[in-house]
PDB file of N, CA and C in Angstrom:
ATOM      1  N   MET A   1      59.866  74.364  90.536  1.00  0.00           N
ATOM      2  CA  MET A   1      58.886  74.886  89.665  1.00  0.00           C
ATOM      3  C   MET A   1      57.569  74.182  89.895  1.00  0.00           C
ATOM      4  N   ARG A   2      56.400  74.863  89.684  1.00  0.00           N
ATOM      5  CA  ARG A   2      55.228  74.501  89.909  1.00  0.00           C
ATOM      6  C   ARG A   2      54.380  74.772  88.521  1.00  0.00           C
ATOM      7  N   VAL A   3      53.585  73.687  88.023  1.00  0.00           N
ATOM      8  CA  VAL A   3      53.008  73.813  86.958  1.00  0.00           C
ATOM      9  C   VAL A   3      51.736  74.608  87.038  1.00  0.00           C
ATOM     10  N   GLU A   4      51.687  75.526  85.927  1.00  0.00           N
ATOM     11  CA  GLU A   4      50.487  76.410  85.946  1.00  0.00           C
ATOM     12  C   GLU A   4      49.642  75.760  84.785  1.00  0.00           C
ATOM     13  N   GLY A   5      49.989  75.360  83.865  1.00  0.00           N
ATOM     14  CA  GLY A   5      49.085  74.519  82.908  1.00  0.00           C
ATOM     15  C   GLY A   5      49.759  73.732  81.824  1.00  0.00           C
ATOM     16  N   TYR A   6      48.987  72.745  81.595  1.00  0.00           N
ATOM     17  CA  TYR A   6      49.506  71.782  80.525  1.00  0.00           C
ATOM     18  C   TYR A   6      48.433  71.778  79.336  1.00  0.00           C
ATOM     19  N   PHE A   7      49.130  71.888  78.066  1.00  0.00           N
ATOM     20  CA  PHE A   7      48.170  71.817  76.923  1.00  0.00           C
ATOM     21  C   PHE A   7      48.655  70.933  75.956  1.00  0.00           C
ATOM     22  N   GLU A   8      47.813  70.141  75.009  1.00  0.00           N
ATOM     23  CA  GLU A   8      48.396  69.206  74.117  1.00  0.00           C
ATOM     24  C   GLU A   8      47.438  69.665  72.835  1.00  0.00           C
ATOM     25  N   THR A   9      48.106  69.725  71.611  1.00  0.00           N
ATOM     26  CA  THR A   9      47.549  69.907  70.437  1.00  0.00           C
ATOM     27  C   THR A   9      48.129  68.702  69.586  1.00  0.00           C
ATOM     28  N   LYS A  10      47.630  68.511  68.186  1.00  0.00           N
ATOM     29  CA  LYS A  10      48.151  67.430  67.333  1.00  0.00           C
ATOM     30  C   LYS A  10      49.482  67.288  67.318  1.00  0.00           C
ATOM     31  N   ASN A  11      50.305  68.398  67.380  1.00  0.00           N
ATOM     32  CA  ASN A  11      51.443  68.501  67.110  1.00  0.00           C
ATOM     33  C   ASN A  11      52.567  68.960  68.208  1.00  0.00           C
ATOM     34  N   PHE A  12      51.843  69.205  69.317  1.00  0.00           N
ATOM     35  CA  PHE A  12      52.675  69.769  70.383  1.00  0.00           C
ATOM     36  C   PHE A  12      52.217  69.398  71.854  1.00  0.00           C
ATOM     37  N   PHE A  13      53.209  69.280  72.780  1.00  0.00           N
ATOM     38  CA  PHE A  13      52.856  69.239  74.285  1.00  0.00           C
ATOM     39  C   PHE A  13      53.570  70.591  74.769  1.00  0.00           C
ATOM     40  N   ILE A  14      52.716  71.154  75.522  1.00  0.00           N
ATOM     41  CA  ILE A  14      52.968  72.451  76.118  1.00  0.00           C
ATOM     42  C   ILE A  14      52.979  72.590  77.589  1.00  0.00           C
ATOM     43  N   HIS A  15      53.932  73.020  78.320  1.00  0.00           N
ATOM     44  CA  HIS A  15      53.848  73.089  79.842  1.00  0.00           C
ATOM     45  C   HIS A  15      54.232  74.403  80.056  1.00  0.00           C
ATOM     46  N   LEU A  16      53.422  75.154  80.882  1.00  0.00           N
ATOM     47  CA  LEU A  16      53.554  76.398  81.556  1.00  0.00           C
ATOM     48  C   LEU A  16      53.888  76.061  82.962  1.00  0.00           C
ATOM     49  N   CYS A  17      55.031  76.591  83.487  1.00  0.00           N
ATOM     50  CA  CYS A  17      55.531  76.494  84.887  1.00  0.00           C
ATOM     51  C   CYS A  17      55.993  77.750  85.548  1.00  0.00           C
ATOM     52  N   TYR A  18      55.535  77.868  86.819  1.00  0.00           N
ATOM     53  CA  TYR A  18      56.073  79.048  87.560  1.00  0.00           C
ATOM     54  C   TYR A  18      57.332  78.688  88.125  1.00  0.00           C
ATOM     55  N   ASP A  19      58.330  79.683  88.390  1.00  0.00           N
ATOM     56  CA  ASP A  19      59.627  79.543  89.077  1.00  0.00           C
ATOM     57  C   ASP A  19      59.379  80.223  90.489  1.00  0.00           C
ATOM     58  N   SER A  20      60.530  80.081  91.178  1.00  0.00           N
ATOM     59  CA  SER A  20      60.378  80.798  92.521  1.00  0.00           C
ATOM     60  C   SER A  20      60.125  82.218  92.563  1.00  0.00           C
ATOM     61  N   ASN A  21      60.264  82.794  91.467  1.00  0.00           N
ATOM     62  CA  ASN A  21      59.837  84.328  91.591  1.00  0.00           C
ATOM     63  C   ASN A  21      58.570  84.582  90.901  1.00  0.00           C
ATOM     64  N   ASN A  22      57.806  83.569  90.682  1.00  0.00           N
ATOM     65  CA  ASN A  22      56.423  83.513  90.171  1.00  0.00           C
ATOM     66  C   ASN A  22      56.432  84.009  88.686  1.00  0.00           C
ATOM     67  N   ASP A  23      57.456  83.899  88.164  1.00  0.00           N
ATOM     68  CA  ASP A  23      57.430  83.922  86.589  1.00  0.00           C
ATOM     69  C   ASP A  23      57.035  82.693  85.905  1.00  0.00           C
ATOM     70  N   ILE A  24      56.393  82.993  84.713  1.00  0.00           N
ATOM     71  CA  ILE A  24      55.830  81.852  83.986  1.00  0.00           C
ATOM     72  C   ILE A  24      56.662  81.440  82.862  1.00  0.00           C
ATOM     73  N   TRP A  25      57.099  80.213  82.785  1.00  0.00           N
ATOM     74  CA  TRP A  25      58.082  79.648  81.515  1.00  0.00           C
ATOM     75  C   TRP A  25      57.229  78.741  80.883  1.00  0.00           C
ATOM     76  N   TYR A  26      57.468  78.741  79.650  1.00  0.00           N
ATOM     77  CA  TYR A  26      56.971  77.986  78.484  1.00  0.00           C
ATOM     78  C   TYR A  26      57.908  76.790  78.056  1.00  0.00           C
ATOM     79  N   TYR A  27      57.499  75.604  78.106  1.00  0.00           N
ATOM     80  CA  TYR A  27      58.318  74.558  77.560  1.00  0.00           C
ATOM     81  C   TYR A  27      57.443  73.736  76.594  1.00  0.00           C
ATOM     82  N   GLY A  28      57.787  73.769  75.415  1.00  0.00           N
ATOM     83  CA  GLY A  28      57.207  72.951  74.167  1.00  0.00           C
ATOM     84  C   GLY A  28      58.122  72.004  73.704  1.00  0.00           C
ATOM     85  N   ILE A  29      57.083  70.927  73.266  1.00  0.00           N
ATOM     86  CA  ILE A  29      57.792  69.682  72.796  1.00  0.00           C
ATOM     87  C   ILE A  29      57.009  69.342  71.530  1.00  0.00           C
ATOM     88  N   ALA A  30      57.640  69.409  70.351  1.00  0.00           N
ATOM     89  CA  ALA A  30      56.853  69.023  69.109  1.00  0.00           C
ATOM     90  C   ALA A  30      56.929  67.459  68.996  1.00  0.00           C
ATOM     91  N   LYS A  31      55.762  66.945  68.665  1.00  0.00           N
ATOM     92  CA  LYS A  31      55.563  65.382  68.575  1.00  0.00           C
ATOM     93  C   LYS A  31      56.115  65.069  67.357  1.00  0.00           C
ATOM     94  N   GLY A  32      56.224  63.661  67.123  1.00  0.00           N
ATOM     95  CA  GLY A  32      56.638  63.025  65.890  1.00  0.00           C
ATOM     96  C   GLY A  32      58.153  62.729  65.741  1.00  0.00           C
ATOM     97  N   SER A  33      58.447  62.296  64.618  1.00  0.00           N
ATOM     98  CA  SER A  33      59.889  62.022  64.198  1.00  0.00           C
ATOM     99  C   SER A  33      60.700  63.188  64.285  1.00  0.00           C
ATOM    100  N   GLU A  34      60.178  64.524  64.077  1.00  0.00           N
ATOM    101  CA  GLU A  34      60.933  65.628  64.254  1.00  0.00           C
ATOM    102  C   GLU A  34      60.824  66.311  65.563  1.00  0.00           C
ATOM    103  N   ALA A  35      60.729  65.721  66.601  1.00  0.00           N
ATOM    104  CA  ALA A  35      60.522  65.989  67.859  1.00  0.00           C
ATOM    105  C   ALA A  35      61.536  67.041  68.392  1.00  0.00           C
ATOM    106  N   GLU A  36      61.131  68.203  68.901  1.00  0.00           N
ATOM    107  CA  GLU A  36      62.052  69.304  69.157  1.00  0.00           C
ATOM    108  C   GLU A  36      61.582  69.841  70.323  1.00  0.00           C
ATOM    109  N   ALA A  37      62.412  70.174  71.228  1.00  0.00           N
ATOM    110  CA  ALA A  37      62.117  70.834  72.625  1.00  0.00           C
ATOM    111  C   ALA A  37      62.429  72.513  72.332  1.00  0.00           C
ATOM    112  N   ILE A  38      61.460  73.178  72.860  1.00  0.00           N
ATOM    113  CA  ILE A  38      61.492  74.605  72.883  1.00  0.00           C
ATOM    114  C   ILE A  38      61.262  75.142  74.265  1.00  0.00           C
ATOM    115  N   GLY A  39      62.281  75.967  74.810  1.00  0.00           N
ATOM    116  CA  GLY A  39      62.141  76.443  76.020  1.00  0.00           C
ATOM    117  C   GLY A  39      63.317  75.963  77.011  1.00  0.00           C
ATOM    118  N   PRO A  40      63.354  76.607  78.109  1.00  0.00           N
ATOM    119  CA  PRO A  40      62.378  77.393  78.696  1.00  0.00           C
ATOM    120  C   PRO A  40      62.406  78.910  78.173  1.00  0.00           C
ATOM    121  N   LEU A  41      61.201  79.250  77.928  1.00  0.00           N
ATOM    122  CA  LEU A  41      61.048  80.789  77.302  1.00  0.00           C
ATOM    123  C   LEU A  41      60.130  81.573  78.351  1.00  0.00           C
ATOM    124  N   TYR A  42      60.435  82.728  78.630  1.00  0.00           N
ATOM    125  CA  TYR A  42      59.680  83.616  79.603  1.00  0.00           C
ATOM    126  C   TYR A  42      58.406  83.855  78.807  1.00  0.00           C
ATOM    127  N   THR A  43      57.293  83.630  79.683  1.00  0.00           N
ATOM    128  CA  THR A  43      55.925  83.857  79.327  1.00  0.00           C
ATOM    129  C   THR A  43      55.121  84.969  80.106  1.00  0.00           C
ATOM    130  N   TYR A  44      54.260  85.471  79.343  1.00  0.00           N
ATOM    131  CA  TYR A  44      53.537  86.558  80.103  1.00  0.00           C
ATOM    132  C   TYR A  44      51.995  86.349  79.759  1.00  0.00           C
ATOM    133  N   THR A  45      51.086  86.803  80.454  1.00  0.00           N
ATOM    134  CA  THR A  45      49.853  86.855  80.204  1.00  0.00           C
ATOM    135  C   THR A  45      49.264  88.082  79.740  1.00  0.00           C
ATOM    136  N   GLU A  46      48.415  87.980  78.860  1.00  0.00           N
ATOM    137  CA  GLU A  46      47.699  89.269  78.102  1.00  0.00           C
ATOM    138  C   GLU A  46      46.242  89.111  78.300  1.00  0.00           C
ATOM    139  N   GLU A  47      45.574  90.149  78.854  1.00  0.00           N
ATOM    140  CA  GLU A  47      44.142  89.994  79.150  1.00  0.00           C
ATOM    141  C   GLU A  47      43.453  89.901  78.009  1.00  0.00           C
ATOM    142  N   GLY A  48      42.548  88.918  77.644  1.00  0.00           N
ATOM    143  CA  GLY A  48      42.067  88.669  76.460  1.00  0.00           C
ATOM    144  C   GLY A  48      42.618  87.888  75.431  1.00  0.00           C
ATOM    145  N   THR A  49      43.909  87.552  75.511  1.00  0.00           N
ATOM    146  CA  THR A  49      44.805  86.872  74.690  1.00  0.00           C
ATOM    147  C   THR A  49      45.100  85.783  75.111  1.00  0.00           C
ATOM    148  N   GLY A  50      45.698  85.526  76.249  1.00  0.00           N
ATOM    149  CA  GLY A  50      46.219  84.273  76.787  1.00  0.00           C
ATOM    150  C   GLY A  50      47.660  84.436  77.257  1.00  0.00           C
ATOM    151  N   TYR A  51      48.360  83.117  77.207  1.00  0.00           N
ATOM    152  CA  TYR A  51      49.755  83.236  77.574  1.00  0.00           C
ATOM    153  C   TYR A  51      50.651  83.604  76.247  1.00  0.00           C
ATOM    154  N   VAL A  52      51.501  84.576  76.323  1.00  0.00           N
ATOM    155  CA  VAL A  52      52.218  85.053  75.022  1.00  0.00           C
ATOM    156  C   VAL A  52      53.732  84.718  75.409  1.00  0.00           C
ATOM    157  N   VAL A  53      54.418  84.124  74.426  1.00  0.00           N
ATOM    158  CA  VAL A  53      55.836  83.800  74.453  1.00  0.00           C
ATOM    159  C   VAL A  53      56.380  84.178  73.202  1.00  0.00           C
ATOM    160  N   GLU A  54      57.577  85.118  73.460  1.00  0.00           N
ATOM    161  CA  GLU A  54      58.302  85.601  72.348  1.00  0.00           C
ATOM    162  C   GLU A  54      59.759  84.960  72.257  1.00  0.00           C
ATOM    163  N   ASN A  55      59.907  84.535  71.012  1.00  0.00           N
ATOM    164  CA  ASN A  55      61.296  83.829  70.760  1.00  0.00           C
ATOM    165  C   ASN A  55      61.721  84.442  69.454  1.00  0.00           C
ATOM    166  N   GLY A  56      62.510  85.447  69.616  1.00  0.00           N
ATOM    167  CA  GLY A  56      63.056  86.013  68.372  1.00  0.00           C
ATOM    168  C   GLY A  56      61.962  86.605  67.593  1.00  0.00           C
ATOM    169  N   ASP A  57      61.808  86.176  66.197  1.00  0.00           N
ATOM    170  CA  ASP A  57      60.660  86.635  65.487  1.00  0.00           C
ATOM    171  C   ASP A  57      59.689  85.806  65.648  1.00  0.00           C
ATOM    172  N   TYR A  58      59.681  84.892  66.462  1.00  0.00           N
ATOM    173  CA  TYR A  58      58.491  84.083  66.430  1.00  0.00           C
ATOM    174  C   TYR A  58      57.594  84.542  67.761  1.00  0.00           C
ATOM    175  N   THR A  59      56.439  84.226  67.719  1.00  0.00           N
ATOM    176  CA  THR A  59      55.481  84.619  68.985  1.00  0.00           C
ATOM    177  C   THR A  59      54.454  83.432  69.129  1.00  0.00           C
ATOM    178  N   TYR A  60      54.331  82.720  70.285  1.00  0.00           N
ATOM    179  CA  TYR A  60      53.441  81.624  70.533  1.00  0.00           C
ATOM    180  C   TYR A  60      52.410  82.345  71.339  1.00  0.00           C
ATOM    181  N   ILE A  61      51.067  81.824  70.969  1.00  0.00           N
ATOM    182  CA  ILE A  61      49.973  82.333  71.847  1.00  0.00           C
ATOM    183  C   ILE A  61      49.241  80.969  72.170  1.00  0.00           C
ATOM    184  N   VAL A  62      49.168  80.859  73.564  1.00  0.00           N
ATOM    185  CA  VAL A  62      48.451  79.726  74.053  1.00  0.00           C
ATOM    186  C   VAL A  62      47.203  80.106  74.686  1.00  0.00           C
ATOM    187  N   THR A  63      46.007  79.590  74.632  1.00  0.00           N
ATOM    188  CA  THR A  63      44.867  79.699  75.364  1.00  0.00           C
ATOM    189  C   THR A  63      44.324  78.194  75.551  1.00  0.00           C
ATOM    190  N   GLY A  64      43.158  78.153  76.195  1.00  0.00           N
ATOM    191  CA  GLY A  64      42.725  77.088  76.483  1.00  0.00           C
ATOM    192  C   GLY A  64      41.925  76.357  75.243  1.00  0.00           C
ATOM    193  N   LEU A  65      41.871  77.193  74.137  1.00  0.00           N
ATOM    194  CA  LEU A  65      41.572  76.650  72.981  1.00  0.00           C
ATOM    195  C   LEU A  65      42.274  76.350  71.777  1.00  0.00           C
ATOM    196  N   SER A  66      43.414  77.054  71.834  1.00  0.00           N
ATOM    197  CA  SER A  66      44.445  76.825  70.800  1.00  0.00           C
ATOM    198  C   SER A  66      45.880  77.311  71.066  1.00  0.00           C
ATOM    199  N   LEU A  67      46.600  76.976  70.362  1.00  0.00           N
ATOM    200  CA  LEU A  67      48.171  77.364  69.983  1.00  0.00           C
ATOM    201  C   LEU A  67      48.233  78.023  68.610  1.00  0.00           C
ATOM    202  N   SER A  68      48.634  79.149  68.802  1.00  0.00           N
ATOM    203  CA  SER A  68      48.957  79.978  67.437  1.00  0.00           C
ATOM    204  C   SER A  68      50.332  80.167  67.339  1.00  0.00           C
ATOM    205  N   ILE A  69      51.051  80.210  66.431  1.00  0.00           N
ATOM    206  CA  ILE A  69      52.387  80.412  66.011  1.00  0.00           C
ATOM    207  C   ILE A  69      52.574  81.618  65.020  1.00  0.00           C
ATOM    208  N   TYR A  70      53.063  82.861  65.330  1.00  0.00           N
ATOM    209  CA  TYR A  70      53.091  83.856  64.359  1.00  0.00           C
ATOM    210  C   TYR A  70      54.792  83.995  64.145  1.00  0.00           C
ATOM    211  N   GLU A  71      55.114  84.530  62.990  1.00  0.00           N
ATOM    212  CA  GLU A  71      56.251  84.955  62.618  1.00  0.00           C
ATOM    213  C   GLU A  71      56.098  86.293  62.253  1.00  0.00           C
ATOM    214  N   GLY A  72      56.643  87.399  62.977  1.00  0.00           N
ATOM    215  CA  GLY A  72      56.063  88.568  63.035  1.00  0.00           C
ATOM    216  C   GLY A  72      54.655  88.714  62.947  1.00  0.00           C
ATOM    217  N   ASN A  73      53.938  89.356  62.225  1.00  0.00           N
ATOM    218  CA  ASN A  73      52.441  89.434  62.162  1.00  0.00           C
ATOM    219  C   ASN A  73      51.713  88.385  61.409  1.00  0.00           C
ATOM    220  N   LYS A  74      52.423  87.484  60.781  1.00  0.00           N
ATOM    221  CA  LYS A  74      51.934  86.546  59.915  1.00  0.00           C
ATOM    222  C   LYS A  74      51.853  85.158  60.705  1.00  0.00           C
ATOM    223  N   LEU A  75      50.481  84.712  60.686  1.00  0.00           N
ATOM    224  CA  LEU A  75      50.133  83.363  61.397  1.00  0.00           C
ATOM    225  C   LEU A  75      50.549  82.264  60.627  1.00  0.00           C
ATOM    226  N   LEU A  76      51.476  81.556  61.284  1.00  0.00           N
ATOM    227  CA  LEU A  76      52.088  80.345  60.591  1.00  0.00           C
ATOM    228  C   LEU A  76      51.444  79.049  60.708  1.00  0.00           C
ATOM    229  N   GLN A  77      50.861  78.853  61.951  1.00  0.00           N
ATOM    230  CA  GLN A  77      50.180  77.694  62.345  1.00  0.00           C
ATOM    231  C   GLN A  77      49.285  78.037  63.666  1.00  0.00           C
ATOM    232  N   GLU A  78      48.104  77.248  63.416  1.00  0.00           N
ATOM    233  CA  GLU A  78      47.072  77.420  64.621  1.00  0.00           C
ATOM    234  C   GLU A  78      46.647  75.833  64.814  1.00  0.00           C
ATOM    235  N   GLU A  79      46.633  75.534  66.003  1.00  0.00           N
ATOM    236  CA  GLU A  79      46.043  74.193  66.293  1.00  0.00           C
ATOM    237  C   GLU A  79      45.313  74.163  67.454  1.00  0.00           C
ATOM    238  N   PRO A  80      44.228  73.620  67.351  1.00  0.00           N
ATOM    239  CA  PRO A  80      43.092  73.473  68.621  1.00  0.00           C
ATOM    240  C   PRO A  80      43.865  72.595  69.756  1.00  0.00           C
ATOM    241  N   VAL A  81      43.525  73.078  70.816  1.00  0.00           N
ATOM    242  CA  VAL A  81      43.925  72.219  72.185  1.00  0.00           C
ATOM    243  C   VAL A  81      42.955  71.214  72.239  1.00  0.00           C
ATOM    244  N   ILE A  82      43.656  69.765  72.281  1.00  0.00           N
ATOM    245  CA  ILE A  82      42.852  68.680  72.367  1.00  0.00           C
ATOM    246  C   ILE A  82      42.882  68.120  73.827  1.00  0.00           C
ATOM    247  N   ASN A  83      43.707  68.647  74.686  1.00  0.00           N
ATOM    248  CA  ASN A  83      43.917  68.045  76.182  1.00  0.00           C
ATOM    249  C   ASN A  83      44.555  69.368  76.751  1.00  0.00           C
ATOM    250  N   SER A  84      43.968  69.519  78.110  1.00  0.00           N
ATOM    251  CA  SER A  84      44.586  70.524  78.759  1.00  0.00           C
ATOM    252  C   SER A  84      44.320  70.416  80.350  1.00  0.00           C
ATOM    253  N   HIS A  85      45.330  70.971  81.158  1.00  0.00           N
ATOM    254  CA  HIS A  85      44.906  70.967  82.656  1.00  0.00           C
ATOM    255  C   HIS A  85      45.374  72.326  82.917  1.00  0.00           C
ATOM    256  N   HIS A  86      44.589  72.904  83.950  1.00  0.00           N
ATOM    257  CA  HIS A  86      44.897  74.322  84.504  1.00  0.00           C
ATOM    258  C   HIS A  86      44.938  74.236  85.822  1.00  0.00           C
ATOM    259  N   ARG A  87      45.931  74.904  86.575  1.00  0.00           N
ATOM    260  CA  ARG A  87      45.892  75.105  87.869  1.00  0.00           C
ATOM    261  C   ARG A  87      44.628  75.903  88.347  1.00  0.00           C
ATOM    262  N   GLU A  88      44.106  75.274  89.321  1.00  0.00           N
ATOM    263  CA  GLU A  88      42.772  76.046  89.823  1.00  0.00           C
ATOM    264  C   GLU A  88      43.134  76.855  90.925  1.00  0.00           C
TER     265      GLU A  88
END
């Protein structure tokens, strides 16, 4: 796998990686005492939206500016990206 991007927010580390088929996969790790790993989850890009990850009722949207977590259409959490690195 090769890294597409790395993002950090106050509560999460996120890695987006390409596999050998050029599909993008999301790996997320919650920070803190309740640390939990999420992924790998299939990821797609949506023009004007960013990286979109669907996990059951939950949708994660990652941009260079923020991580947004939705349950259905309800925004549960949004955090600004405080550190990132993108493949050039």
